[in-house]
Amino acid sequence: MISTSLIMSKFKDLTVIEILVYVVFFSATGFIMNTIGQEFEIAKFNNWWQVFTCYILYMVPVAILIRDYSVFNQYAYGLVAMGVLEFAGYALETSYVYPNNILIQYFGPYTFALAMSLFFALYFPFSNWLIKLINDRLLAK
């Protein structure tokens, strides 16, 4: 069982700049992906502010909690986290899936949330790698 102190230590180990890099990366990515989803008529958030709740309040803490794990484990834990998020978004109808979008055409209507989860789980190992690179190379003292 994971203790609260272990979870809190993951956040206390970060500098304010590192947290800001996470927030900037995930918020920019969220708005870009929501725009791409709308432009290509794949899926979208029903409200613009959901980018903040999903990408910053949900995905940033998950990314920070799993950042020290292997790439495989980051992806695995990210897949679980994104599966819950995708399921909740579509079940609560806070996200909209465009009918007959390209993913539905290729994979069928019953695998859409799974395809989205498989894709967005890649954000965790990728973002942690990129943010470590930024912190090590550009923000190093």
Protein backbone atom coordinates (compact mmCIF):
# COMPACT_ATOMS: atom_id res chain seq x y z
CA MET A 1 0.00 0.00 0.00
CA ILE A 2 1.27 3.46 -0.88
CA SER A 3 1.46 5.87 2.01
CA THR A 4 0.37 9.49 1.86
CA SER A 5 3.87 10.60 2.79
CA LEU A 6 5.30 8.72 -0.20
CA ILE A 7 2.81 10.40 -2.53
CA MET A 8 3.52 13.84 -1.06
CA SER A 9 7.28 13.29 -1.33
CA LYS A 10 6.90 12.91 -5.12
CA PHE A 11 5.56 16.46 -5.26
CA LYS A 12 7.89 17.94 -2.65
CA ASP A 13 10.90 16.76 -4.67
CA LEU A 14 9.91 19.07 -7.53
CA THR A 15 10.84 22.71 -7.86
CA VAL A 16 8.24 25.31 -8.76
CA ILE A 17 9.85 25.61 -12.19
CA GLU A 18 9.52 21.85 -12.78
CA ILE A 19 5.84 21.95 -11.83
CA LEU A 20 5.33 24.93 -14.15
CA VAL A 21 6.96 23.01 -17.00
CA TYR A 22 4.49 20.16 -16.39
CA VAL A 23 1.55 22.57 -16.28
CA VAL A 24 2.61 24.46 -19.42
CA PHE A 25 3.32 21.25 -21.34
CA PHE A 26 0.05 19.55 -20.42
CA SER A 27 -2.14 22.64 -20.86
CA ALA A 28 -0.63 23.39 -24.28
CA THR A 29 -0.96 19.76 -25.28
CA GLY A 30 -4.55 19.66 -24.03
CA PHE A 31 -5.65 22.67 -26.02
CA ILE A 32 -3.81 21.46 -29.12
CA MET A 33 -5.31 17.97 -28.91
CA ASN A 34 -8.81 19.33 -28.28
CA THR A 35 -8.44 21.57 -31.34
CA ILE A 36 -7.15 18.68 -33.46
CA GLY A 37 -10.04 16.52 -32.26
CA GLN A 38 -12.52 19.19 -33.32
CA GLU A 39 -10.85 20.02 -36.64
CA PHE A 40 -10.68 16.37 -37.69
CA GLU A 41 -14.07 15.68 -36.09
CA ILE A 42 -12.82 12.86 -33.87
CA ALA A 43 -13.83 13.95 -30.36
CA LYS A 44 -13.95 17.07 -28.21
CA PHE A 45 -14.57 18.27 -24.71
CA ASN A 46 -18.04 19.73 -24.27
CA ASN A 47 -16.55 22.65 -22.32
CA TRP A 48 -13.24 24.43 -22.93
CA TRP A 49 -12.33 24.37 -19.22
CA GLN A 50 -12.24 20.56 -19.25
CA VAL A 51 -8.73 20.87 -20.68
CA PHE A 52 -7.67 22.18 -17.27
CA THR A 53 -9.50 19.55 -15.24
CA CYS A 54 -8.30 16.64 -17.37
CA TYR A 55 -4.83 17.67 -18.44
CA ILE A 56 -3.68 19.72 -15.43
CA LEU A 57 -5.65 18.51 -12.42
CA TYR A 58 -5.66 14.84 -13.47
CA MET A 59 -2.82 14.08 -15.88
CA VAL A 60 -0.11 16.25 -14.29
CA PRO A 61 -0.36 14.56 -10.87
CA VAL A 62 -0.42 11.11 -12.50
CA ALA A 63 2.66 11.98 -14.57
CA ILE A 64 4.50 13.23 -11.50
CA LEU A 65 3.57 10.19 -9.41
CA ILE A 66 4.88 7.74 -12.02
CA ARG A 67 7.82 9.72 -13.41
CA ASP A 68 10.47 7.58 -11.69
CA TYR A 69 9.11 4.32 -13.11
CA SER A 70 10.34 2.55 -16.23
CA VAL A 71 8.85 3.56 -19.57
CA PHE A 72 6.82 0.35 -19.66
CA ASN A 73 5.42 0.91 -16.16
CA GLN A 74 4.66 4.56 -16.91
CA TYR A 75 2.70 3.45 -19.96
CA ALA A 76 0.92 0.70 -18.02
CA TYR A 77 -0.09 2.98 -15.16
CA GLY A 78 -0.96 5.71 -17.66
CA LEU A 79 -3.19 3.27 -19.51
CA VAL A 80 -5.14 2.53 -16.34
CA ALA A 81 -5.43 6.24 -15.53
CA MET A 82 -6.54 7.15 -19.05
CA GLY A 83 -8.97 4.23 -19.23
CA VAL A 84 -10.76 5.56 -16.15
CA LEU A 85 -10.72 9.11 -17.52
CA GLU A 86 -11.96 8.15 -20.98
CA PHE A 87 -14.67 5.90 -19.57
CA ALA A 88 -15.88 8.63 -17.22
CA GLY A 89 -15.83 11.30 -19.92
CA TYR A 90 -17.99 9.34 -22.31
CA ALA A 91 -20.23 7.77 -19.66
CA LEU A 92 -20.98 11.19 -18.13
CA GLU A 93 -21.27 12.70 -21.62
CA THR A 94 -18.79 15.46 -20.82
CA SER A 95 -16.91 14.53 -23.99
CA TYR A 96 -18.42 14.29 -27.45
CA VAL A 97 -17.48 11.67 -30.02
CA TYR A 98 -18.15 12.71 -33.59
CA PRO A 99 -20.19 10.00 -35.31
CA ASN A 100 -18.38 7.94 -37.93
CA ASN A 101 -15.03 9.60 -37.21
CA ILE A 102 -11.79 8.19 -38.61
CA LEU A 103 -11.09 6.03 -35.53
CA ILE A 104 -14.59 4.55 -35.63
CA GLN A 105 -14.19 3.88 -39.35
CA TYR A 106 -10.92 1.98 -38.83
CA PHE A 107 -11.51 0.27 -35.49
CA GLY A 108 -15.29 0.19 -35.03
CA PRO A 109 -17.59 2.02 -32.64
CA TYR A 110 -16.99 -0.26 -29.66
CA THR A 111 -13.27 0.32 -29.41
CA PHE A 112 -13.17 4.11 -29.54
CA ALA A 113 -12.50 4.71 -25.81
CA LEU A 114 -9.90 1.96 -25.81
CA ALA A 115 -8.11 3.50 -28.80
CA MET A 116 -8.14 6.89 -27.10
CA SER A 117 -6.79 5.37 -23.86
CA LEU A 118 -4.03 3.50 -25.69
CA PHE A 119 -2.97 6.71 -27.45
CA PHE A 120 -3.16 9.13 -24.54
CA ALA A 121 -1.34 6.73 -22.17
CA LEU A 122 1.74 7.44 -24.30
CA TYR A 123 1.68 10.99 -22.92
CA PHE A 124 3.03 9.85 -19.56
CA PRO A 125 6.35 8.30 -20.61
CA PHE A 126 6.77 10.89 -23.39
CA SER A 127 6.00 13.90 -21.20
CA ASN A 128 8.21 12.67 -18.37
CA TRP A 129 11.08 12.09 -20.80
CA LEU A 130 10.63 15.50 -22.42
CA ILE A 131 10.23 17.37 -19.14
CA LYS A 132 13.33 15.67 -17.72
CA LEU A 133 15.22 16.69 -20.87
CA ILE A 134 14.02 20.30 -20.52
CA ASN A 135 14.90 20.40 -16.84
CA ASP A 136 18.32 18.75 -17.30
CA ARG A 137 19.46 20.70 -20.34
CA LEU A 138 17.66 24.01 -20.38
CA LEU A 139 16.85 24.72 -16.76
CA ALA A 140 19.94 23.24 -15.10
CA LYS A 141 21.76 25.63 -12.84
